Amino acid sequence: MASQVSKTRLGKWCILNELLMIDKYQSRFIRAKVREVLLSTWDPIGIADEPNAQNEYDSYIGSIYDLLVSKAADAVLVEYLYWAVHENMGLDAASKEDMLDTVSALRKIDLSAPEF
């Protein structure tokens, strides 16, 4: 398995990690799973059942994907999700603890994904 060193900027976070080499089909599969988790578990604005808003959280998928494949700590995922809710969406009701179920669901995504 090949690897590369990559520097990724995620809002106010900058991480430098060795990333897994994942082909584009695996990447798409993982990103689709991240989208499912964001809609089914996270959903801070309650749009999961709105057919015309299924792409509402897509702007967060890339950063979350990068955090997952770079093996970022759970605390970093919590901080990113909390930042997205509070700073980016401007919602004050959620706490960092509210992000834990989402992080748990994200960790269940198989990063090896099926070979295509």
Protein backbone atom coordinates (compact mmCIF):
# COMPACT_ATOMS: atom_id res chain seq x y z
CA MET A 1 0.00 0.00 0.00
CA ALA A 2 1.51 3.30 -1.08
CA SER A 3 1.33 6.38 1.11
CA GLN A 4 1.98 10.05 0.79
CA VAL A 5 2.46 12.92 3.17
CA SER A 6 -0.25 15.52 2.86
CA LYS A 7 -1.04 18.75 4.65
CA THR A 8 -4.77 19.36 4.91
CA ARG A 9 -6.50 22.53 6.07
CA LEU A 10 -9.84 22.05 7.80
CA GLY A 11 -11.23 25.40 8.89
CA LYS A 12 -8.97 26.41 11.76
CA TRP A 13 -7.28 22.98 11.89
CA CYS A 14 -4.19 22.04 10.02
CA ILE A 15 -3.11 18.42 10.22
CA LEU A 16 -0.07 16.72 8.80
CA ASN A 17 -0.53 12.98 8.56
CA GLU A 18 0.38 10.03 6.45
CA LEU A 19 -2.71 9.26 4.36
CA LEU A 20 -3.84 5.92 3.05
CA MET A 21 -3.77 5.53 -0.71
CA ILE A 22 -7.42 5.02 -1.59
CA ASP A 23 -8.61 4.75 -5.18
CA LYS A 24 -11.39 7.00 -6.47
CA TYR A 25 -14.08 4.31 -6.30
CA GLN A 26 -13.27 3.52 -2.68
CA SER A 27 -13.19 7.24 -1.95
CA ARG A 28 -16.64 7.72 -3.48
CA PHE A 29 -18.00 4.78 -1.50
CA ILE A 30 -16.62 6.16 1.78
CA ARG A 31 -17.86 9.68 1.02
CA ALA A 32 -21.35 8.28 0.32
CA LYS A 33 -21.26 6.57 3.72
CA VAL A 34 -20.18 9.83 5.39
CA ARG A 35 -23.14 11.55 3.71
CA GLU A 36 -25.49 8.88 5.10
CA VAL A 37 -24.16 9.44 8.61
CA LEU A 38 -24.47 13.21 8.35
CA LEU A 39 -28.10 12.89 7.27
CA SER A 40 -29.15 10.06 9.56
CA THR A 41 -27.23 10.78 12.75
CA TRP A 42 -25.88 14.33 12.78
CA ASP A 43 -28.57 16.37 10.93
CA PRO A 44 -28.37 19.58 13.03
CA ILE A 45 -31.00 21.39 10.97
CA GLY A 46 -33.42 18.47 10.58
CA ILE A 47 -33.46 17.99 6.81
CA ALA A 48 -32.99 14.21 6.61
CA ASP A 49 -36.54 13.65 5.35
CA GLU A 50 -36.53 16.58 2.92
CA PRO A 51 -35.89 15.13 -0.57
CA ASN A 52 -34.74 18.45 -2.03
CA ALA A 53 -32.14 19.01 0.71
CA GLN A 54 -30.21 15.75 0.63
CA ASN A 55 -27.05 17.58 -0.41
CA GLU A 56 -27.24 20.17 2.38
CA TYR A 57 -24.24 18.80 4.29
CA ASP A 58 -22.11 17.85 1.28
CA SER A 59 -19.69 20.72 1.88
CA TYR A 60 -18.54 18.96 5.08
CA ILE A 61 -17.97 15.54 3.54
CA GLY A 62 -14.50 16.23 2.14
CA SER A 63 -13.10 17.50 5.43
CA ILE A 64 -14.65 14.64 7.40
CA TYR A 65 -13.31 12.15 4.86
CA ASP A 66 -9.82 13.64 5.23
CA LEU A 67 -10.05 13.42 9.02
CA LEU A 68 -11.16 9.78 8.87
CA VAL A 69 -8.50 8.57 6.44
CA SER A 70 -5.78 10.50 8.27
CA LYS A 71 -6.84 8.71 11.47
CA ALA A 72 -7.57 11.93 13.34
CA ALA A 73 -8.56 11.51 16.95
CA ASP A 74 -12.22 11.45 17.93
CA ALA A 75 -11.73 14.78 19.68
CA VAL A 76 -10.70 16.37 16.37
CA LEU A 77 -13.84 15.02 14.66
CA VAL A 78 -15.96 16.34 17.55
CA GLU A 79 -14.32 19.76 17.25
CA TYR A 80 -14.88 19.87 13.49
CA LEU A 81 -18.56 18.91 13.76
CA TYR A 82 -19.06 21.38 16.60
CA TRP A 83 -17.34 24.10 14.56
CA ALA A 84 -19.64 23.32 11.61
CA VAL A 85 -22.75 23.63 13.76
CA HIS A 86 -21.73 26.66 15.82
CA GLU A 87 -19.45 28.73 13.64
CA ASN A 88 -20.51 27.82 10.13
CA MET A 89 -24.26 27.27 10.63
CA GLY A 90 -24.62 29.69 13.52
CA LEU A 91 -26.59 27.27 15.73
CA ASP A 92 -26.02 27.50 19.47
CA ALA A 93 -28.21 24.70 20.84
CA ALA A 94 -25.86 21.74 20.28
CA SER A 95 -22.99 20.79 22.58
CA LYS A 96 -19.77 18.93 21.87
CA GLU A 97 -21.27 15.94 23.64
CA ASP A 98 -24.05 15.94 21.02
CA MET A 99 -21.41 15.19 18.38
CA LEU A 100 -20.33 11.89 19.98
CA ASP A 101 -23.03 9.74 18.35
CA THR A 102 -22.03 11.09 14.96
CA VAL A 103 -18.35 10.38 15.59
CA SER A 104 -19.25 6.86 16.69
CA ALA A 105 -21.27 6.31 13.49
CA LEU A 106 -18.44 7.73 11.36
CA ARG A 107 -15.96 5.36 12.99
CA LYS A 108 -18.10 2.41 11.88
CA ILE A 109 -17.48 3.24 8.22
CA ASP A 110 -15.18 0.65 6.69
CA LEU A 111 -12.31 2.73 5.28
CA SER A 112 -11.02 -0.22 3.32
CA ALA A 113 -14.28 -0.23 1.31
CA PRO A 114 -14.90 -2.92 -1.27
CA GLU A 115 -12.52 -3.08 -4.23
CA PHE A 116 -14.22 -2.13 -7.49
